[in-house]
Amino acid sequence: MSKKVLVLEDEANIRSFIVINLKRAGYETVEAGTGQDALDQLRRNPDINVALLDVMLPDMDGFEVCRRIRAGDNRIGIIMLTARTQEMDKVTGLMTGADDYVTKPFSPAELTARIDALCRRTTGEPAPADTGEISCPPFLLNTRNRTLEKNGQRVKLTQVEYSIVKLFMDNIGKALAREEILDAVWGKDYFGEVKIVDVNIRRLRIKIEDDPTNPTYITTVWGYGYKWGF
């Protein structure tokens, strides 16, 4: 299966640096210098697996590009490129639908490892035995087509969000440490920070909870992690 990455970066020298290293790692790349160009490229290349989005762009910011992608596609992996000092950018990017972020300056090895991990989730097929459903009323998780329903209504999840829900449903009532969730969903070789778990849980609660400020499905185990608790 081909691995294709969209590289949205308005600075040509940085974009070329990223593209060269991704090609060395075996990726096919599609380049864009503006947000609109990126959206057009995605329409022309529906087989793109991962989109790498810079935050600062000349026409629209990377968050808006991320929002527009997510409005139509929850399967593509999205990684935001943020500056070291832009802490809020990381949270904002994740809340608008990104799966991960990489802080500039970054090493080619780190970036490639993040894209590898995300590509495995977006291109991976379910195991042959993993063809059933997990029922946990009012939720029904279909593990073959990787979808979630609540009271019969489809909940639009990213691949990361699906992986988190499946982990919880496989461990109903069990408290899972943040590090345990990180290892299971992002992989043991993940370079990033454990707080990415918290932001994704916050985003997931907005989608599945009746009242995200008073969650009843994904509950917090203070000082430890989270559990799927009824």
Protein backbone atom coordinates (compact mmCIF):
# COMPACT_ATOMS: atom_id res chain seq x y z
CA MET A 1 0.00 0.00 0.00
CA SER A 2 1.36 3.40 -0.98
CA LYS A 3 2.04 5.91 1.77
CA LYS A 4 1.26 9.45 0.69
CA VAL A 5 1.80 12.58 2.79
CA LEU A 6 0.55 16.11 2.16
CA VAL A 7 3.15 18.68 3.23
CA LEU A 8 1.61 22.12 3.84
CA GLU A 9 4.37 24.62 4.57
CA ASP A 10 4.61 28.11 3.07
CA GLU A 11 8.39 28.40 3.50
CA ALA A 12 9.84 26.65 0.47
CA ASN A 13 13.17 25.74 2.10
CA ILE A 14 11.49 24.07 5.08
CA ARG A 15 9.02 22.30 2.80
CA SER A 16 11.86 20.99 0.62
CA PHE A 17 13.73 19.77 3.70
CA ILE A 18 10.66 17.85 4.88
CA VAL A 19 9.90 16.42 1.43
CA ILE A 20 13.47 15.20 0.86
CA ASN A 21 13.51 13.36 4.18
CA LEU A 22 10.07 11.83 3.68
CA LYS A 23 11.04 10.57 0.23
CA ARG A 24 14.17 9.01 1.72
CA ALA A 25 11.89 7.22 4.20
CA GLY A 26 9.80 5.80 1.36
CA TYR A 27 6.90 8.24 1.32
CA GLU A 28 5.23 9.78 -1.69
CA THR A 29 4.67 13.50 -1.07
CA VAL A 30 2.21 16.14 -2.23
CA GLU A 31 3.26 19.75 -1.63
CA ALA A 32 1.21 22.85 -0.82
CA GLY A 33 2.21 26.40 0.08
CA THR A 34 -1.19 27.80 1.10
CA GLY A 35 -4.22 26.48 2.94
CA GLN A 36 -6.41 26.62 -0.16
CA ASP A 37 -3.75 24.83 -2.19
CA ALA A 38 -3.69 22.08 0.46
CA LEU A 39 -7.48 21.64 0.33
CA ASP A 40 -7.35 21.50 -3.47
CA GLN A 41 -4.56 18.90 -3.35
CA LEU A 42 -6.58 16.76 -0.95
CA ARG A 43 -9.50 16.77 -3.36
CA ARG A 44 -7.18 15.75 -6.19
CA ASN A 45 -5.43 13.09 -4.08
CA PRO A 46 -8.05 11.22 -2.02
CA ASP A 47 -5.46 8.53 -1.22
CA ILE A 48 -3.39 10.86 1.01
CA ASN A 49 -2.82 9.08 4.33
CA VAL A 50 -1.36 11.87 6.47
CA ALA A 51 -1.52 15.67 6.24
CA LEU A 52 1.32 17.68 7.78
CA LEU A 53 -0.01 21.21 8.41
CA ASP A 54 2.00 24.29 9.35
CA VAL A 55 0.11 26.67 11.65
CA MET A 56 1.27 29.99 10.16
CA LEU A 57 0.11 30.39 6.55
CA PRO A 58 -0.46 33.38 4.24
CA ASP A 59 -4.17 32.81 3.55
CA MET A 60 -5.70 30.85 6.44
CA ASP A 61 -4.09 29.29 9.48
CA GLY A 62 -3.43 25.59 9.81
CA PHE A 63 -6.24 25.24 12.36
CA GLU A 64 -8.79 26.33 9.75
CA VAL A 65 -7.33 23.89 7.23
CA CYS A 66 -7.57 21.16 9.87
CA ARG A 67 -11.21 22.03 10.63
CA ARG A 68 -12.13 21.94 6.95
CA ILE A 69 -10.42 18.58 6.43
CA ARG A 70 -12.17 17.09 9.45
CA ALA A 71 -15.55 18.38 8.26
CA GLY A 72 -15.31 15.88 5.43
CA ASP A 73 -12.75 13.23 6.40
CA ASN A 74 -12.11 11.56 9.73
CA ARG A 75 -9.79 8.84 8.45
CA ILE A 76 -6.84 10.93 7.30
CA GLY A 77 -4.11 11.47 9.88
CA ILE A 78 -3.28 15.11 10.71
CA ILE A 79 -0.09 16.42 12.30
CA MET A 80 0.35 20.12 13.13
CA LEU A 81 3.71 21.89 12.91
CA THR A 82 3.99 24.41 15.75
CA ALA A 83 6.68 26.78 17.02
CA ARG A 84 8.35 25.91 20.32
CA THR A 85 6.82 28.90 22.14
CA GLN A 86 3.28 28.43 20.87
CA GLU A 87 1.93 26.20 23.65
CA MET A 88 -1.70 27.10 22.96
CA ASP A 89 -1.23 26.19 19.31
CA LYS A 90 -0.67 22.59 20.35
CA VAL A 91 -3.91 22.42 22.30
CA THR A 92 -5.86 24.37 19.66
CA GLY A 93 -4.58 22.12 16.91
CA LEU A 94 -5.61 18.98 18.74
CA MET A 95 -9.02 20.39 19.61
CA THR A 96 -9.69 21.26 15.96
CA GLY A 97 -9.11 17.64 15.00
CA ALA A 98 -5.38 17.07 14.67
CA ASP A 99 -3.98 13.73 15.84
CA ASP A 100 -0.53 14.96 16.83
CA TYR A 101 1.83 17.92 16.72
CA VAL A 102 5.53 18.34 16.07
CA THR A 103 7.40 21.32 17.51
CA LYS A 104 9.87 23.28 15.39
CA PRO A 105 12.77 22.83 15.16
CA PHE A 106 12.45 19.07 14.76
CA SER A 107 14.73 16.29 13.62
CA PRO A 108 13.91 14.33 10.44
CA ALA A 109 13.94 11.12 12.52
CA GLU A 110 11.34 12.48 14.94
CA LEU A 111 9.04 13.70 12.18
CA THR A 112 9.31 10.45 10.25
CA ALA A 113 8.60 8.41 13.41
CA ARG A 114 5.44 10.44 14.10
CA ILE A 115 4.23 10.03 10.51
CA ASP A 116 5.08 6.29 10.57
CA ALA A 117 3.00 5.81 13.72
CA LEU A 118 0.04 7.73 12.31
CA CYS A 119 0.26 5.98 8.95
CA ARG A 120 0.06 2.60 10.64
CA ARG A 121 -3.25 3.59 12.19
CA THR A 122 -4.76 5.18 9.08
CA THR A 123 -3.75 2.43 6.64
CA GLY A 124 -3.96 -0.60 8.90
CA GLU A 125 -6.68 -3.13 8.29
CA PRO A 126 -8.52 -4.81 11.17
CA ALA A 127 -7.27 -8.27 12.05
CA PRO A 128 -9.34 -11.09 10.50
CA ALA A 129 -10.70 -12.11 13.90
CA ASP A 130 -11.58 -8.51 14.71
CA THR A 131 -14.84 -8.45 12.78
CA GLY A 132 -17.49 -8.02 15.42
CA GLU A 133 -19.15 -5.45 17.57
CA ILE A 134 -18.69 -4.29 21.12
CA SER A 135 -21.97 -3.30 22.75
CA CYS A 136 -21.88 -0.98 25.72
CA PRO A 137 -25.26 0.79 25.78
CA PRO A 138 -25.95 3.40 24.61
CA PHE A 139 -22.84 2.76 22.49
CA LEU A 140 -22.15 0.23 19.78
CA LEU A 141 -18.60 -0.04 18.44
CA ASN A 142 -18.19 -1.80 15.10
CA THR A 143 -14.63 -3.12 15.05
CA ARG A 144 -14.75 -4.13 11.40
CA ASN A 145 -15.52 -0.74 9.87
CA ARG A 146 -14.17 1.16 12.91
CA THR A 147 -17.30 3.17 13.66
CA LEU A 148 -19.16 4.19 16.82
CA GLU A 149 -22.88 4.69 17.31
CA LYS A 150 -24.64 6.28 20.27
CA ASN A 151 -28.35 5.49 20.53
CA GLY A 152 -28.21 4.37 16.91
CA GLN A 153 -26.66 7.63 15.68
CA ARG A 154 -23.18 7.63 14.13
CA VAL A 155 -20.53 9.54 16.07
CA LYS A 156 -17.81 10.91 13.77
CA LEU A 157 -14.46 9.82 15.19
CA THR A 158 -10.90 10.25 13.99
CA GLN A 159 -8.76 7.12 13.89
CA VAL A 160 -7.06 8.17 17.13
CA GLU A 161 -10.42 8.71 18.84
CA TYR A 162 -11.63 5.32 17.64
CA SER A 163 -8.50 3.69 19.04
CA ILE A 164 -9.07 5.36 22.42
CA VAL A 165 -12.73 4.27 22.57
CA LYS A 166 -11.83 0.69 21.64
CA LEU A 167 -9.14 0.61 24.33
CA PHE A 168 -11.68 1.74 26.91
CA MET A 169 -14.35 -0.72 25.73
CA ASP A 170 -11.83 -3.54 25.89
CA ASN A 171 -11.17 -2.52 29.51
CA ILE A 172 -14.56 -1.47 30.87
CA GLY A 173 -14.36 -0.36 34.48
CA LYS A 174 -10.56 -0.55 34.56
CA ALA A 175 -8.56 2.58 35.38
CA LEU A 176 -6.01 3.18 32.61
CA ALA A 177 -2.95 5.30 33.30
CA ARG A 178 -2.22 8.13 30.87
CA GLU A 179 1.05 6.39 29.97
CA GLU A 180 -0.82 3.16 29.31
CA ILE A 181 -3.21 4.95 26.94
CA LEU A 182 -0.30 6.70 25.25
CA ASP A 183 1.55 3.42 24.64
CA ALA A 184 -1.55 1.62 23.37
CA VAL A 185 -2.79 4.34 21.02
CA TRP A 186 0.30 6.28 19.94
CA GLY A 187 2.82 3.46 20.29
CA LYS A 188 5.66 2.71 22.70
CA ASP A 189 8.13 4.59 20.53
CA TYR A 190 6.10 7.81 20.58
CA PHE A 191 8.32 10.87 21.06
CA GLY A 192 5.72 13.31 22.34
CA GLU A 193 4.24 14.38 25.64
CA VAL A 194 1.66 12.49 27.67
CA LYS A 195 -0.66 15.53 27.76
CA ILE A 196 -1.70 14.68 24.21
CA VAL A 197 -3.86 12.03 25.91
CA ASP A 198 -5.68 14.66 28.00
CA VAL A 199 -6.45 16.86 25.00
CA ASN A 200 -7.77 13.93 22.97
CA ILE A 201 -9.94 12.81 25.90
CA ARG A 202 -11.33 16.35 26.13
CA ARG A 203 -12.13 16.29 22.41
CA LEU A 204 -13.70 12.84 22.65
CA ARG A 205 -15.89 13.87 25.57
CA ILE A 206 -17.31 16.74 23.50
CA LYS A 207 -18.43 14.16 20.95
CA ILE A 208 -19.85 11.42 23.17
CA GLU A 209 -20.87 12.85 26.54
CA ASP A 210 -24.35 14.26 27.25
CA ASP A 211 -22.59 16.94 29.30
CA PRO A 212 -18.85 17.15 28.56
CA THR A 213 -18.28 19.25 31.70
CA ASN A 214 -19.75 16.46 33.82
CA PRO A 215 -18.66 13.27 32.04
CA THR A 216 -20.32 9.97 32.87
CA TYR A 217 -18.74 7.67 30.26
CA ILE A 218 -15.06 8.64 30.30
CA THR A 219 -14.34 9.51 33.91
CA THR A 220 -11.15 10.92 35.37
CA VAL A 221 -9.12 8.95 37.88
CA TRP A 222 -7.36 11.86 39.54
CA GLY A 223 -3.59 11.73 39.52
CA TYR A 224 -3.62 8.57 37.42
CA GLY A 225 -5.64 8.53 34.22
CA TYR A 226 -9.11 7.64 32.97
CA LYS A 227 -11.62 4.84 32.87
CA TRP A 228 -14.76 3.97 30.94
CA GLY A 229 -17.13 4.00 33.86
CA PHE A 230 -20.86 3.75 34.16
